[in-house]
Protein backbone atom coordinates (compact mmCIF):
# COMPACT_ATOMS: atom_id res chain seq x y z
CA MET A 1 -11.66 41.71 -8.04
CA LYS A 2 -8.37 41.53 -9.92
CA HIS A 3 -7.53 39.62 -6.43
CA ARG A 4 -10.08 37.11 -7.50
CA VAL A 5 -8.71 36.65 -10.68
CA MET A 6 -5.74 36.24 -9.82
CA MET A 7 -6.03 33.59 -7.25
CA ALA A 8 -8.95 31.86 -9.57
CA ALA A 9 -6.30 31.70 -12.63
CA LEU A 10 -3.51 29.80 -9.62
CA PHE A 11 -6.34 27.24 -8.60
CA ALA A 12 -6.67 26.44 -12.46
CA ILE A 13 -3.22 26.15 -13.22
CA ILE A 14 -2.33 23.35 -9.85
CA THR A 15 -5.48 21.67 -10.43
CA SER A 16 -5.24 21.47 -14.55
CA PRO A 17 -4.05 18.66 -16.60
CA VAL A 18 -0.69 20.51 -17.35
CA CYS A 19 0.17 20.04 -13.56
CA ALA A 20 0.61 15.70 -15.26
CA ALA A 21 4.38 14.70 -15.50
CA LYS A 22 6.34 11.85 -17.15
CA LEU A 23 9.15 10.37 -15.51
CA SER A 24 11.64 8.20 -16.62
CA GLY A 25 14.23 5.69 -14.05
CA SER A 26 15.03 3.03 -12.08
CA PRO A 27 12.72 3.76 -9.76
CA HIS A 28 12.96 2.76 -5.41
CA ILE A 29 10.29 0.26 -4.53
CA LEU A 30 8.53 0.98 -0.90
CA ASP A 31 5.62 -1.00 -1.12
CA ALA A 32 3.38 -3.16 -3.37
CA ASN A 33 2.19 0.53 -4.28
CA THR A 34 4.68 3.18 -4.11
CA ILE A 35 7.55 3.61 -5.86
CA GLU A 36 9.73 6.81 -6.07
CA ILE A 37 11.71 8.46 -9.02
CA GLU A 38 13.88 10.96 -8.46
CA GLN A 39 12.90 11.67 -5.34
CA THR A 40 9.12 11.67 -6.53
CA ARG A 41 6.96 9.74 -5.36
CA ILE A 42 4.55 7.70 -6.92
CA ARG A 43 1.36 6.07 -5.84
CA LEU A 44 -0.01 3.26 -8.50
CA SER A 45 -3.38 4.46 -9.54
CA GLY A 46 -6.52 2.62 -10.28
CA ILE A 47 -5.48 -0.53 -7.82
CA GLU A 48 -4.84 -1.65 -3.84
CA ALA A 49 -1.77 -3.37 -3.25
CA PRO A 50 -1.75 -5.25 0.37
CA GLU A 51 0.09 -3.41 3.23
CA THR A 52 3.92 -4.21 4.23
CA ASP A 53 2.33 -5.11 7.68
CA GLN A 54 -1.13 -7.14 5.77
CA ILE A 55 -1.25 -10.53 6.80
CA CYS A 56 -3.30 -13.44 4.38
CA LEU A 57 -3.65 -16.97 4.57
CA ASP A 58 -2.04 -19.53 2.54
CA ALA A 59 -4.31 -22.66 0.47
CA HIS A 60 -3.30 -24.59 3.58
CA GLY A 61 -5.42 -21.06 5.88
CA HIS A 62 -1.25 -20.77 7.60
CA LYS A 63 -1.17 -17.30 7.81
CA TRP A 64 1.67 -15.78 5.31
CA ALA A 65 3.21 -11.65 4.95
CA CYS A 66 1.57 -11.60 2.12
CA GLY A 67 1.77 -7.30 1.66
CA VAL A 68 5.86 -8.30 1.88
CA ALA A 69 5.56 -10.90 -0.68
CA ALA A 70 3.68 -8.67 -3.59
CA ARG A 71 6.33 -5.83 -2.43
CA ASP A 72 9.11 -8.33 -3.56
CA ALA A 73 6.95 -9.39 -6.46
CA LEU A 74 7.01 -6.50 -7.93
CA ILE A 75 11.20 -5.61 -7.33
CA ARG A 76 11.84 -8.75 -9.00
CA TYR A 77 9.75 -7.90 -12.08
CA SER A 78 11.52 -5.00 -11.84
CA ASN A 79 14.52 -6.25 -11.63
CA GLY A 80 16.72 -2.78 -12.02
CA ARG A 81 14.81 -1.89 -14.81
CA THR A 82 13.98 1.37 -16.44
CA TRP A 83 10.03 2.64 -15.76
CA ASP A 84 8.33 5.11 -18.16
CA CYS A 85 5.72 6.85 -15.69
CA GLN A 86 3.07 9.15 -16.58
CA THR A 87 1.45 10.65 -12.84
CA ALA A 88 -1.63 13.16 -12.67
CA GLY A 89 -2.60 14.64 -9.82
CA VAL A 90 -1.69 14.14 -5.39
CA ASP A 91 -3.01 11.82 -3.01
CA LYS A 92 -3.34 13.43 0.77
CA TYR A 93 -0.41 12.55 1.65
CA GLY A 94 1.51 14.47 -0.63
CA ARG A 95 2.21 11.00 -4.13
CA SER A 96 1.86 11.50 -6.93
CA LEU A 97 -0.86 9.46 -8.71
CA GLY A 98 0.42 7.81 -12.19
CA SER A 99 0.23 4.79 -14.68
CA CYS A 100 3.78 3.19 -14.92
CA PHE A 101 5.12 0.76 -17.35
CA ILE A 102 8.65 -1.15 -18.17
CA GLU A 103 8.74 -1.49 -22.36
CA GLY A 104 5.61 -1.20 -22.55
CA GLN A 105 3.88 -3.74 -19.67
CA ASP A 106 1.65 -1.58 -17.36
CA MET A 107 2.56 -2.30 -14.13
CA ASN A 108 -0.79 -1.09 -12.96
CA ALA A 109 -2.00 -4.13 -14.63
CA TRP A 110 0.84 -6.69 -14.29
CA MET A 111 0.32 -5.81 -10.26
CA VAL A 112 -3.62 -7.50 -10.78
CA SER A 113 -3.21 -9.37 -12.86
CA SER A 114 -0.52 -10.84 -10.87
CA GLY A 115 -2.94 -10.76 -7.38
CA TRP A 116 -0.80 -8.81 -6.53
CA ALA A 117 -3.18 -6.10 -6.29
CA LEU A 118 -6.92 -5.43 -6.86
CA SER A 119 -8.51 -2.94 -8.58
CA SER A 120 -9.40 0.18 -6.53
CA ALA A 121 -12.57 0.04 -5.13
CA SER A 122 -12.62 3.80 -6.36
CA SER A 123 -11.41 3.82 -9.91
CA THR A 124 -13.25 3.48 -13.07
CA ASN A 125 -12.60 -0.69 -12.75
CA ILE A 126 -10.59 -0.45 -15.30
CA TYR A 127 -8.81 -3.92 -14.43
CA VAL A 128 -11.73 -5.66 -13.21
CA ILE A 129 -10.77 -8.03 -15.60
CA HIS A 130 -6.99 -8.40 -14.97
CA GLU A 131 -8.50 -9.17 -11.42
CA VAL A 132 -10.65 -12.19 -12.77
CA ARG A 133 -7.89 -13.83 -14.09
CA ALA A 134 -6.52 -13.44 -11.28
CA SER A 135 -8.64 -15.36 -9.03
CA ASN A 136 -9.67 -17.53 -11.37
CA ALA A 137 -5.93 -18.63 -11.72
CA TYR A 138 -5.70 -18.75 -7.72
CA ALA A 139 -1.98 -15.86 -7.99
CA GLY A 140 -0.85 -14.28 -5.20
CA LEU A 141 -3.44 -13.27 -2.64
CA TRP A 142 -5.50 -15.08 -4.18
CA SER A 143 -4.03 -18.66 -3.46
CA GLY A 144 -6.44 -18.45 -0.09
CA ALA A 145 -7.81 -15.92 1.66
CA PHE A 146 -7.63 -12.13 2.07
CA ILE A 147 -9.38 -9.12 3.17
CA ALA A 148 -9.17 -6.27 0.61
CA PRO A 149 -6.67 -4.01 1.46
CA TRP A 150 -8.97 -0.76 1.58
CA ASP A 151 -10.81 -3.42 4.11
CA TRP A 152 -7.17 -3.80 5.87
CA ARG A 153 -6.81 -0.03 7.29
CA ARG A 154 -10.03 -0.47 8.70
CA ARG A 155 -10.36 -3.83 10.33
CA ASN A 156 -12.66 -4.37 12.99
CA LYS A 157 -14.89 -7.25 14.22
CA GLY A 158 -17.15 -7.35 11.42
CA THR A 159 -14.27 -7.37 7.99
CA ILE A 160 -15.34 -9.27 5.10
CA ILE A 161 -12.68 -12.34 4.26
CA VAL A 162 -12.36 -13.55 0.94
CA GLY A 163 -11.31 -16.21 -0.98
CA VAL A 164 -11.55 -17.98 -4.67
CA ARG A 165 -11.67 -21.16 -2.93
CA SER A 166 -12.85 -21.25 1.20
CA VAL A 167 -12.47 -19.34 4.26
CA PRO A 168 -11.41 -21.07 6.45
CA ASN A 169 -13.71 -22.06 9.75
CA ASP A 170 -10.87 -20.10 12.11
CA ALA A 171 -10.20 -16.59 9.86
CA GLN A 172 -11.08 -13.85 11.93
CA GLU A 173 -9.31 -15.18 15.16
CA LEU A 174 -6.31 -15.76 12.13
CA LEU A 175 -6.79 -12.23 10.44
CA LEU A 176 -8.99 -10.02 13.38
CA GLY A 177 -7.14 -11.31 16.90
CA SER A 178 -5.02 -8.90 18.19
CA ALA A 179 -2.16 -11.42 18.76
CA LEU A 180 -1.99 -11.01 14.97
CA ILE A 181 -0.26 -7.35 14.88
CA SER A 182 2.27 -8.36 18.34
CA GLU A 183 4.99 -9.49 15.99
CA PRO A 184 6.36 -8.10 12.64
CA PRO A 185 5.35 -9.70 9.46
CA SER A 186 8.62 -10.11 8.76
CA PRO A 187 12.25 -9.31 10.22
CA GLU A 188 12.51 -6.44 8.30
CA CYS A 189 9.41 -4.85 9.19
CA LEU A 190 10.46 -4.01 12.78
CA ILE A 191 9.86 -0.13 12.76
CA LYS A 192 6.11 0.79 14.85
CA GLY A 193 3.69 3.34 13.18
CA THR A 194 1.20 4.87 16.22
CA VAL A 195 -1.43 7.37 16.29
CA ASP A 196 -1.92 9.67 18.78
CA ARG A 197 -4.92 11.28 20.60
CA ASN A 198 -4.69 14.60 18.41
CA GLY A 199 -5.10 11.98 15.43
CA LYS A 200 -1.15 12.56 14.30
CA ARG A 201 1.03 9.49 12.91
CA ILE A 202 4.28 8.93 13.93
CA TYR A 203 6.16 5.96 13.87
CA HIS A 204 9.39 4.45 15.81
CA LEU A 205 12.51 3.24 15.36
CA PRO A 206 14.38 -0.02 17.40
CA GLU A 207 17.10 2.12 18.82
CA GLN A 208 14.32 5.30 20.40
CA LEU A 209 13.55 5.43 24.24
CA SER A 210 9.55 5.47 22.96
CA TYR A 211 10.23 2.19 21.30
CA GLY A 212 9.78 -0.71 24.19
CA GLN A 213 6.84 1.53 25.54
CA ILE A 214 4.41 0.48 23.10
CA ASP A 215 2.51 -2.31 22.91
CA MET A 216 1.03 -3.13 19.75
CA THR A 217 -1.79 -5.38 20.47
CA LYS A 218 -3.10 -1.83 22.02
CA LYS A 219 -3.99 1.07 20.55
CA PRO A 220 -2.95 3.88 19.72
CA ALA A 221 -0.49 1.27 17.57
CA GLU A 222 -1.54 1.26 14.59
CA ARG A 223 1.11 -0.60 12.09
CA TRP A 224 4.55 -2.14 11.81
CA PHE A 225 6.74 -0.83 8.42
CA CYS A 226 9.46 -1.96 7.10
CA SER A 227 11.21 1.38 6.39
CA GLU A 228 11.54 5.14 6.63
CA PRO A 229 10.76 5.67 3.38
CA GLU A 230 7.54 3.25 3.21
CA ALA A 231 6.04 5.47 6.70
CA GLU A 232 6.72 8.75 5.48
CA ALA A 233 5.64 7.49 2.50
CA ALA A 234 2.24 6.74 3.92
CA GLY A 235 2.01 9.79 6.23
CA TRP A 236 3.65 9.32 9.41
CA ARG A 237 6.05 11.24 10.98
CA ARG A 238 9.58 10.04 12.95
CA ALA A 239 8.50 10.47 16.81
CA THR A 240 11.02 12.88 18.52
CA ARG A 241 12.69 10.77 21.05
């Protein structure tokens, strides 16, 4: 009985809001949804931004690296300034979940209102009004056609493509075809991510022996990364060779 009481108390401590934390500093921005302050990786909660390997269509129906653009927009807006973050809980990859501010500006809301993220489908929809404003202004992702970030990660031939103005007739081929991931979304995003038969996520660097053997148009190829910290924050580990 005493053991059970001790275990229950420990569980209460781990899951309690007491585990929430406040962090301040100039962050390292890993992608449009993930930052790092004082070696703590923080996933901006309540929103979903495109991964750095995500491709969208612009107003003319041309492909563009919207995931990289979203990350870079966040870097430019941050501009080395101090972020104040309040975290509570962690995700399945061990990243802290939090809301962050720059000089009082809610950065989670800023990402959505600027069109670089959507209100998370699993959230309480507190950022929906910002999403409506972004779509009405054709901002960021809303300037053309795109796949919702949560659908991009598990896309298939039946994945829905959205857009405010219109969705081009060849959008399915452009955003869901195997040729899409045959090349990196940007010259800086050369790390290959794969999933092995056991479901383990492994990333491969250009200088590693296994790199050239991976065909990104075939499974178990999965996605491109721009940096090792980004890959590790997303739950991948480095290949041994």
